[in-house]
All heavy atoms as atom14 arrays in JSON, in Angstrom:
{
  "sequence": "AEYALQNLSLAPFAPLGSETLARGAATAAQNTNTILLE",
  "atom14_mask": [
    [1, 1, 1, 1, 1, 0, 0, 0, 0, 0, 0, 0, 0, 0],
    [1, 1, 1, 1, 1, 1, 1, 1, 1, 0, 0, 0, 0, 0],
    [1, 1, 1, 1, 1, 1, 1, 1, 1, 1, 1, 1, 0, 0],
    [1, 1, 1, 1, 1, 0, 0, 0, 0, 0, 0, 0, 0, 0],
    [1, 1, 1, 1, 1, 1, 1, 1, 0, 0, 0, 0, 0, 0],
    [1, 1, 1, 1, 1, 1, 1, 1, 1, 0, 0, 0, 0, 0],
    [1, 1, 1, 1, 1, 1, 1, 1, 0, 0, 0, 0, 0, 0],
    [1, 1, 1, 1, 1, 1, 1, 1, 0, 0, 0, 0, 0, 0],
    [1, 1, 1, 1, 1, 1, 0, 0, 0, 0, 0, 0, 0, 0],
    [1, 1, 1, 1, 1, 1, 1, 1, 0, 0, 0, 0, 0, 0],
    [1, 1, 1, 1, 1, 0, 0, 0, 0, 0, 0, 0, 0, 0],
    [1, 1, 1, 1, 1, 1, 1, 0, 0, 0, 0, 0, 0, 0],
    [1, 1, 1, 1, 1, 1, 1, 1, 1, 1, 1, 0, 0, 0],
    [1, 1, 1, 1, 1, 0, 0, 0, 0, 0, 0, 0, 0, 0],
    [1, 1, 1, 1, 1, 1, 1, 0, 0, 0, 0, 0, 0, 0],
    [1, 1, 1, 1, 1, 1, 1, 1, 0, 0, 0, 0, 0, 0],
    [1, 1, 1, 1, 0, 0, 0, 0, 0, 0, 0, 0, 0, 0],
    [1, 1, 1, 1, 1, 1, 0, 0, 0, 0, 0, 0, 0, 0],
    [1, 1, 1, 1, 1, 1, 1, 1, 1, 0, 0, 0, 0, 0],
    [1, 1, 1, 1, 1, 1, 1, 0, 0, 0, 0, 0, 0, 0],
    [1, 1, 1, 1, 1, 1, 1, 1, 0, 0, 0, 0, 0, 0],
    [1, 1, 1, 1, 1, 0, 0, 0, 0, 0, 0, 0, 0, 0],
    [1, 1, 1, 1, 1, 1, 1, 1, 1, 1, 1, 0, 0, 0],
    [1, 1, 1, 1, 0, 0, 0, 0, 0, 0, 0, 0, 0, 0],
    [1, 1, 1, 1, 1, 0, 0, 0, 0, 0, 0, 0, 0, 0],
    [1, 1, 1, 1, 1, 0, 0, 0, 0, 0, 0, 0, 0, 0],
    [1, 1, 1, 1, 1, 1, 1, 0, 0, 0, 0, 0, 0, 0],
    [1, 1, 1, 1, 1, 0, 0, 0, 0, 0, 0, 0, 0, 0],
    [1, 1, 1, 1, 1, 0, 0, 0, 0, 0, 0, 0, 0, 0],
    [1, 1, 1, 1, 1, 1, 1, 1, 1, 0, 0, 0, 0, 0],
    [1, 1, 1, 1, 1, 1, 1, 1, 0, 0, 0, 0, 0, 0],
    [1, 1, 1, 1, 1, 1, 1, 0, 0, 0, 0, 0, 0, 0],
    [1, 1, 1, 1, 1, 1, 1, 1, 0, 0, 0, 0, 0, 0],
    [1, 1, 1, 1, 1, 1, 1, 0, 0, 0, 0, 0, 0, 0],
    [1, 1, 1, 1, 1, 1, 1, 1, 0, 0, 0, 0, 0, 0],
    [1, 1, 1, 1, 1, 1, 1, 1, 0, 0, 0, 0, 0, 0],
    [1, 1, 1, 1, 1, 1, 1, 1, 0, 0, 0, 0, 0, 0],
    [1, 1, 1, 1, 1, 1, 1, 1, 1, 0, 0, 0, 0, 0]
  ],
  "atom14_positions": [
    [[0.84, -1.2, 0.0], [0.0, 0.0, 0.0], [0.87, 1.25, 0.0], [0.6, 2.22, -0.72], [-0.93, 0.0, 1.21], [0.0, 0.0, 0.0], [0.0, 0.0, 0.0], [0.0, 0.0, 0.0], [0.0, 0.0, 0.0], [0.0, 0.0, 0.0], [0.0, 0.0, 0.0], [0.0, 0.0, 0.0], [0.0, 0.0, 0.0], [0.0, 0.0, 0.0]],
    [[1.92, 1.22, 0.81], [2.82, 2.37, 0.86], [3.45, 2.62, -0.51], [3.54, 3.75, -0.97], [3.91, 2.13, 1.9], [4.85, 3.3, 2.07], [5.89, 3.04, 3.14], [5.66, 2.22, 4.03], [6.95, 3.68, 3.05], [0.0, 0.0, 0.0], [0.0, 0.0, 0.0], [0.0, 0.0, 0.0], [0.0, 0.0, 0.0], [0.0, 0.0, 0.0]],
    [[3.83, 1.55, -1.18], [4.46, 1.67, -2.5], [3.45, 2.08, -3.57], [3.69, 3.02, -4.33], [5.12, 0.34, -2.89], [5.6, 0.32, -4.31], [6.76, 0.99, -4.67], [4.87, -0.34, -5.29], [7.2, 0.99, -5.99], [5.3, -0.34, -6.61], [6.46, 0.33, -6.95], [6.89, 0.34, -8.25], [0.0, 0.0, 0.0], [0.0, 0.0, 0.0]],
    [[2.31, 1.4, -3.63], [1.36, 1.61, -4.72], [0.51, 2.86, -4.55], [0.19, 3.53, -5.52], [0.45, 0.38, -4.85], [0.0, 0.0, 0.0], [0.0, 0.0, 0.0], [0.0, 0.0, 0.0], [0.0, 0.0, 0.0], [0.0, 0.0, 0.0], [0.0, 0.0, 0.0], [0.0, 0.0, 0.0], [0.0, 0.0, 0.0], [0.0, 0.0, 0.0]],
    [[0.12, 3.18, -3.32], [-0.85, 4.25, -3.12], [-0.2, 5.59, -2.77], [-0.78, 6.64, -3.01], [-1.85, 3.84, -2.04], [-2.56, 2.51, -2.3], [-3.56, 2.23, -1.19], [-3.23, 2.48, -3.66], [0.0, 0.0, 0.0], [0.0, 0.0, 0.0], [0.0, 0.0, 0.0], [0.0, 0.0, 0.0], [0.0, 0.0, 0.0], [0.0, 0.0, 0.0]],
    [[0.96, 5.57, -2.14], [1.75, 6.78, -1.88], [0.92, 7.96, -1.38], [0.42, 8.76, -2.14], [2.5, 7.19, -3.15], [3.45, 6.11, -3.63], [3.96, 6.38, -5.03], [3.5, 7.25, -5.73], [4.91, 5.58, -5.45], [0.0, 0.0, 0.0], [0.0, 0.0, 0.0], [0.0, 0.0, 0.0], [0.0, 0.0, 0.0], [0.0, 0.0, 0.0]],
    [[0.78, 8.04, -0.08], [0.09, 9.18, 0.56], [-1.39, 9.29, 0.2], [-1.87, 10.37, -0.13], [0.79, 10.51, 0.23], [2.22, 10.53, 0.65], [2.57, 10.01, 1.71], [3.07, 11.1, -0.17], [0.0, 0.0, 0.0], [0.0, 0.0, 0.0], [0.0, 0.0, 0.0], [0.0, 0.0, 0.0], [0.0, 0.0, 0.0], [0.0, 0.0, 0.0]],
    [[-2.09, 8.18, 0.29], [-3.53, 8.21, 0.04], [-4.17, 9.38, 0.77], [-3.87, 9.63, 1.94], [-4.15, 6.89, 0.53], [-5.67, 6.79, 0.45], [-6.14, 6.74, -1.0], [-6.13, 5.55, 1.2], [0.0, 0.0, 0.0], [0.0, 0.0, 0.0], [0.0, 0.0, 0.0], [0.0, 0.0, 0.0], [0.0, 0.0, 0.0], [0.0, 0.0, 0.0]],
    [[-5.05, 10.09, 0.08], [-5.69, 11.27, 0.66], [-7.21, 11.14, 0.54], [-7.71, 10.48, -0.37], [-5.2, 12.51, -0.1], [-5.69, 13.68, 0.49], [0.0, 0.0, 0.0], [0.0, 0.0, 0.0], [0.0, 0.0, 0.0], [0.0, 0.0, 0.0], [0.0, 0.0, 0.0], [0.0, 0.0, 0.0], [0.0, 0.0, 0.0], [0.0, 0.0, 0.0]],
    [[-7.92, 11.79, 1.45], [-9.38, 11.79, 1.43], [-9.87, 13.19, 1.09], [-9.49, 14.16, 1.73], [-9.93, 11.37, 2.8], [-11.46, 11.36, 2.92], [-12.06, 10.22, 2.11], [-11.87, 11.25, 4.39], [0.0, 0.0, 0.0], [0.0, 0.0, 0.0], [0.0, 0.0, 0.0], [0.0, 0.0, 0.0], [0.0, 0.0, 0.0], [0.0, 0.0, 0.0]],
    [[-10.72, 13.28, 0.06], [-11.36, 14.55, -0.28], [-12.77, 14.51, 0.31], [-13.49, 13.52, 0.13], [-11.43, 14.74, -1.79], [0.0, 0.0, 0.0], [0.0, 0.0, 0.0], [0.0, 0.0, 0.0], [0.0, 0.0, 0.0], [0.0, 0.0, 0.0], [0.0, 0.0, 0.0], [0.0, 0.0, 0.0], [0.0, 0.0, 0.0], [0.0, 0.0, 0.0]],
    [[-13.19, 15.55, 1.02], [-14.51, 15.54, 1.65], [-15.63, 15.45, 0.62], [-15.46, 15.86, -0.53], [-14.57, 16.86, 2.42], [-13.4, 17.66, 2.01], [-12.46, 16.78, 1.25], [0.0, 0.0, 0.0], [0.0, 0.0, 0.0], [0.0, 0.0, 0.0], [0.0, 0.0, 0.0], [0.0, 0.0, 0.0], [0.0, 0.0, 0.0], [0.0, 0.0, 0.0]],
    [[-16.76, 14.94, 1.06], [-17.89, 14.77, 0.16], [-18.31, 16.1, -0.44], [-18.32, 17.13, 0.23], [-19.1, 14.14, 0.87], [-20.27, 14.0, -0.06], [-20.31, 12.97, -0.98], [-21.3, 14.93, -0.05], [-21.37, 12.86, -1.88], [-22.36, 14.83, -0.93], [-22.39, 13.79, -1.84], [0.0, 0.0, 0.0], [0.0, 0.0, 0.0], [0.0, 0.0, 0.0]],
    [[-18.66, 16.06, -1.73], [-19.2, 17.21, -2.45], [-20.13, 16.67, -3.53], [-19.97, 15.54, -3.99], [-18.08, 18.04, -3.07], [0.0, 0.0, 0.0], [0.0, 0.0, 0.0], [0.0, 0.0, 0.0], [0.0, 0.0, 0.0], [0.0, 0.0, 0.0], [0.0, 0.0, 0.0], [0.0, 0.0, 0.0], [0.0, 0.0, 0.0], [0.0, 0.0, 0.0]],
    [[-21.12, 17.46, -3.94], [-22.04, 16.98, -4.98], [-21.3, 16.58, -6.26], [-20.32, 17.21, -6.65], [-22.95, 18.19, -5.22], [-22.89, 18.97, -3.94], [-21.49, 18.78, -3.43], [0.0, 0.0, 0.0], [0.0, 0.0, 0.0], [0.0, 0.0, 0.0], [0.0, 0.0, 0.0], [0.0, 0.0, 0.0], [0.0, 0.0, 0.0], [0.0, 0.0, 0.0]],
    [[-21.81, 15.54, -6.91], [-21.2, 15.03, -8.12], [-21.16, 16.13, -9.2], [-22.12, 16.87, -9.37], [-22.0, 13.84, -8.65], [-22.32, 12.73, -7.65], [-23.01, 11.59, -8.35], [-21.08, 12.25, -6.94], [0.0, 0.0, 0.0], [0.0, 0.0, 0.0], [0.0, 0.0, 0.0], [0.0, 0.0, 0.0], [0.0, 0.0, 0.0], [0.0, 0.0, 0.0]],
    [[-20.07, 16.22, -9.91], [-19.94, 17.17, -11.01], [-19.8, 18.62, -10.6], [-19.79, 19.51, -11.44], [0.0, 0.0, 0.0], [0.0, 0.0, 0.0], [0.0, 0.0, 0.0], [0.0, 0.0, 0.0], [0.0, 0.0, 0.0], [0.0, 0.0, 0.0], [0.0, 0.0, 0.0], [0.0, 0.0, 0.0], [0.0, 0.0, 0.0], [0.0, 0.0, 0.0]],
    [[-19.67, 18.89, -9.3], [-19.68, 20.27, -8.81], [-18.29, 20.89, -8.81], [-17.27, 20.2, -8.82], [-20.25, 20.32, -7.4], [-19.37, 19.69, -6.47], [0.0, 0.0, 0.0], [0.0, 0.0, 0.0], [0.0, 0.0, 0.0], [0.0, 0.0, 0.0], [0.0, 0.0, 0.0], [0.0, 0.0, 0.0], [0.0, 0.0, 0.0], [0.0, 0.0, 0.0]],
    [[-18.26, 22.22, -8.76], [-17.01, 22.96, -8.6], [-16.35, 22.59, -7.27], [-15.13, 22.51, -7.17], [-17.26, 24.47, -8.64], [-17.66, 24.99, -10.0], [-16.51, 25.04, -10.99], [-15.34, 24.91, -10.57], [-16.79, 25.21, -12.19], [0.0, 0.0, 0.0], [0.0, 0.0, 0.0], [0.0, 0.0, 0.0], [0.0, 0.0, 0.0], [0.0, 0.0, 0.0]],
    [[-17.18, 22.38, -6.24], [-16.66, 22.01, -4.92], [-15.91, 20.69, -4.99], [-14.82, 20.55, -4.42], [-17.8, 21.94, -3.88], [-18.52, 23.17, -3.91], [-17.27, 21.68, -2.49], [0.0, 0.0, 0.0], [0.0, 0.0, 0.0], [0.0, 0.0, 0.0], [0.0, 0.0, 0.0], [0.0, 0.0, 0.0], [0.0, 0.0, 0.0], [0.0, 0.0, 0.0]],
    [[-16.48, 19.72, -5.7], [-15.81, 18.43, -5.87], [-14.51, 18.61, -6.63], [-13.46, 18.06, -6.26], [-16.72, 17.45, -6.6], [-16.1, 16.08, -6.92], [-15.75, 15.33, -5.65], [-17.05, 15.27, -7.77], [0.0, 0.0, 0.0], [0.0, 0.0, 0.0], [0.0, 0.0, 0.0], [0.0, 0.0, 0.0], [0.0, 0.0, 0.0], [0.0, 0.0, 0.0]],
    [[-14.54, 19.4, -7.69], [-13.35, 19.64, -8.5], [-12.24, 20.27, -7.65], [-11.08, 19.84, -7.7], [-13.69, 20.53, -9.69], [0.0, 0.0, 0.0], [0.0, 0.0, 0.0], [0.0, 0.0, 0.0], [0.0, 0.0, 0.0], [0.0, 0.0, 0.0], [0.0, 0.0, 0.0], [0.0, 0.0, 0.0], [0.0, 0.0, 0.0], [0.0, 0.0, 0.0]],
    [[-12.59, 21.28, -6.86], [-11.6, 21.95, -6.01], [-11.03, 21.0, -4.96], [-9.83, 20.97, -4.7], [-12.2, 23.19, -5.33], [-12.28, 24.41, -6.21], [-12.6, 25.66, -5.41], [-13.79, 25.54, -4.58], [-15.02, 25.81, -4.99], [-15.23, 26.24, -6.21], [-16.05, 25.66, -4.18], [0.0, 0.0, 0.0], [0.0, 0.0, 0.0], [0.0, 0.0, 0.0]],
    [[-11.91, 20.22, -4.32], [-11.47, 19.28, -3.29], [-10.54, 18.23, -3.84], [-9.52, 17.9, -3.22], [0.0, 0.0, 0.0], [0.0, 0.0, 0.0], [0.0, 0.0, 0.0], [0.0, 0.0, 0.0], [0.0, 0.0, 0.0], [0.0, 0.0, 0.0], [0.0, 0.0, 0.0], [0.0, 0.0, 0.0], [0.0, 0.0, 0.0], [0.0, 0.0, 0.0]],
    [[-10.86, 17.69, -5.0], [-10.01, 16.67, -5.61], [-8.67, 17.27, -6.04], [-7.62, 16.66, -5.85], [-10.72, 16.04, -6.8], [0.0, 0.0, 0.0], [0.0, 0.0, 0.0], [0.0, 0.0, 0.0], [0.0, 0.0, 0.0], [0.0, 0.0, 0.0], [0.0, 0.0, 0.0], [0.0, 0.0, 0.0], [0.0, 0.0, 0.0], [0.0, 0.0, 0.0]],
    [[-8.7, 18.47, -6.6], [-7.46, 19.13, -7.03], [-6.57, 19.44, -5.84], [-5.34, 19.28, -5.91], [-7.78, 20.39, -7.82], [0.0, 0.0, 0.0], [0.0, 0.0, 0.0], [0.0, 0.0, 0.0], [0.0, 0.0, 0.0], [0.0, 0.0, 0.0], [0.0, 0.0, 0.0], [0.0, 0.0, 0.0], [0.0, 0.0, 0.0], [0.0, 0.0, 0.0]],
    [[-7.16, 19.87, -4.74], [-6.38, 20.14, -3.53], [-5.73, 18.85, -3.02], [-4.54, 18.83, -2.71], [-7.27, 20.76, -2.44], [-7.79, 22.0, -2.93], [-6.51, 20.98, -1.15], [0.0, 0.0, 0.0], [0.0, 0.0, 0.0], [0.0, 0.0, 0.0], [0.0, 0.0, 0.0], [0.0, 0.0, 0.0], [0.0, 0.0, 0.0], [0.0, 0.0, 0.0]],
    [[-6.51, 17.78, -2.96], [-5.97, 16.49, -2.5], [-4.87, 16.0, -3.43], [-3.87, 15.42, -2.99], [-7.08, 15.46, -2.39], [0.0, 0.0, 0.0], [0.0, 0.0, 0.0], [0.0, 0.0, 0.0], [0.0, 0.0, 0.0], [0.0, 0.0, 0.0], [0.0, 0.0, 0.0], [0.0, 0.0, 0.0], [0.0, 0.0, 0.0], [0.0, 0.0, 0.0]],
    [[-5.03, 16.24, -4.74], [-4.08, 15.73, -5.73], [-2.71, 16.38, -5.65], [-1.74, 15.85, -6.19], [-4.65, 15.93, -7.14], [0.0, 0.0, 0.0], [0.0, 0.0, 0.0], [0.0, 0.0, 0.0], [0.0, 0.0, 0.0], [0.0, 0.0, 0.0], [0.0, 0.0, 0.0], [0.0, 0.0, 0.0], [0.0, 0.0, 0.0], [0.0, 0.0, 0.0]],
    [[-2.6, 17.5, -4.95], [-1.31, 18.17, -4.86], [-0.28, 17.34, -4.11], [0.93, 17.52, -4.31], [-1.48, 19.53, -4.2], [-2.23, 20.5, -5.09], [-2.53, 21.82, -4.4], [-2.02, 22.1, -3.32], [-3.34, 22.63, -5.04], [0.0, 0.0, 0.0], [0.0, 0.0, 0.0], [0.0, 0.0, 0.0], [0.0, 0.0, 0.0], [0.0, 0.0, 0.0]],
    [[-0.74, 16.41, -3.26], [0.17, 15.62, -2.42], [0.12, 14.12, -2.66], [0.75, 13.37, -1.92], [-0.13, 15.88, -0.94], [0.05, 17.34, -0.61], [1.05, 17.94, -0.95], [-0.95, 17.92, 0.05], [0.0, 0.0, 0.0], [0.0, 0.0, 0.0], [0.0, 0.0, 0.0], [0.0, 0.0, 0.0], [0.0, 0.0, 0.0], [0.0, 0.0, 0.0]],
    [[-0.65, 13.69, -3.65], [-0.81, 12.24, -3.83], [-1.26, 11.92, -5.25], [-1.74, 12.81, -5.98], [-1.83, 11.68, -2.83], [-1.86, 10.25, -2.96], [-3.23, 12.21, -3.08], [0.0, 0.0, 0.0], [0.0, 0.0, 0.0], [0.0, 0.0, 0.0], [0.0, 0.0, 0.0], [0.0, 0.0, 0.0], [0.0, 0.0, 0.0], [0.0, 0.0, 0.0]],
    [[-1.15, 10.65, -5.61], [-1.7, 10.15, -6.87], [-2.92, 9.26, -6.63], [-3.43, 8.66, -7.57], [-0.63, 9.35, -7.63], [0.46, 10.25, -8.18], [0.2, 11.39, -8.56], [1.67, 9.74, -8.23], [0.0, 0.0, 0.0], [0.0, 0.0, 0.0], [0.0, 0.0, 0.0], [0.0, 0.0, 0.0], [0.0, 0.0, 0.0], [0.0, 0.0, 0.0]],
    [[-3.35, 9.16, -5.37], [-4.48, 8.3, -5.02], [-5.4, 9.06, -4.06], [-4.99, 9.41, -2.96], [-4.0, 7.0, -4.34], [-2.95, 6.42, -5.11], [-5.14, 6.01, -4.2], [0.0, 0.0, 0.0], [0.0, 0.0, 0.0], [0.0, 0.0, 0.0], [0.0, 0.0, 0.0], [0.0, 0.0, 0.0], [0.0, 0.0, 0.0], [0.0, 0.0, 0.0]],
    [[-6.62, 9.29, -4.5], [-7.57, 10.08, -3.72], [-8.86, 9.29, -3.52], [-9.42, 8.77, -4.49], [-7.92, 11.39, -4.46], [-6.66, 12.17, -4.82], [-8.9, 12.24, -3.65], [-6.86, 13.15, -5.95], [0.0, 0.0, 0.0], [0.0, 0.0, 0.0], [0.0, 0.0, 0.0], [0.0, 0.0, 0.0], [0.0, 0.0, 0.0], [0.0, 0.0, 0.0]],
    [[-9.29, 9.21, -2.27], [-10.63, 8.7, -2.0], [-11.57, 9.9, -1.94], [-11.26, 10.89, -1.28], [-10.68, 7.99, -0.64], [-10.42, 6.5, -0.62], [-10.5, 5.98, 0.81], [-11.35, 5.75, -1.51], [0.0, 0.0, 0.0], [0.0, 0.0, 0.0], [0.0, 0.0, 0.0], [0.0, 0.0, 0.0], [0.0, 0.0, 0.0], [0.0, 0.0, 0.0]],
    [[-12.68, 9.8, -2.64], [-13.72, 10.83, -2.58], [-14.77, 10.32, -1.6], [-15.43, 9.31, -1.86], [-14.34, 11.05, -3.96], [-13.39, 11.41, -5.09], [-14.12, 11.43, -6.42], [-12.73, 12.76, -4.82], [0.0, 0.0, 0.0], [0.0, 0.0, 0.0], [0.0, 0.0, 0.0], [0.0, 0.0, 0.0], [0.0, 0.0, 0.0], [0.0, 0.0, 0.0]],
    [[-14.9, 10.98, -0.49], [-15.79, 10.51, 0.56], [-17.19, 10.21, 0.02], [-17.79, 11.03, -0.66], [-15.87, 11.56, 1.67], [-16.65, 11.1, 2.88], [-16.68, 12.17, 3.96], [-16.46, 13.35, 3.66], [-16.92, 11.79, 5.12], [0.0, 0.0, 0.0], [0.0, 0.0, 0.0], [0.0, 0.0, 0.0], [0.0, 0.0, 0.0], [0.0, 0.0, 0.0]]
  ]
}
């Protein structure tokens, strides 16, 4: 998991297709290549 997922991050829930979701995912992506969308 440490090798494959590298700093798994959680983005807080936001409505599908929303600007809020886009911003949350982009913020999480700054530190990881693997993001869980709550």
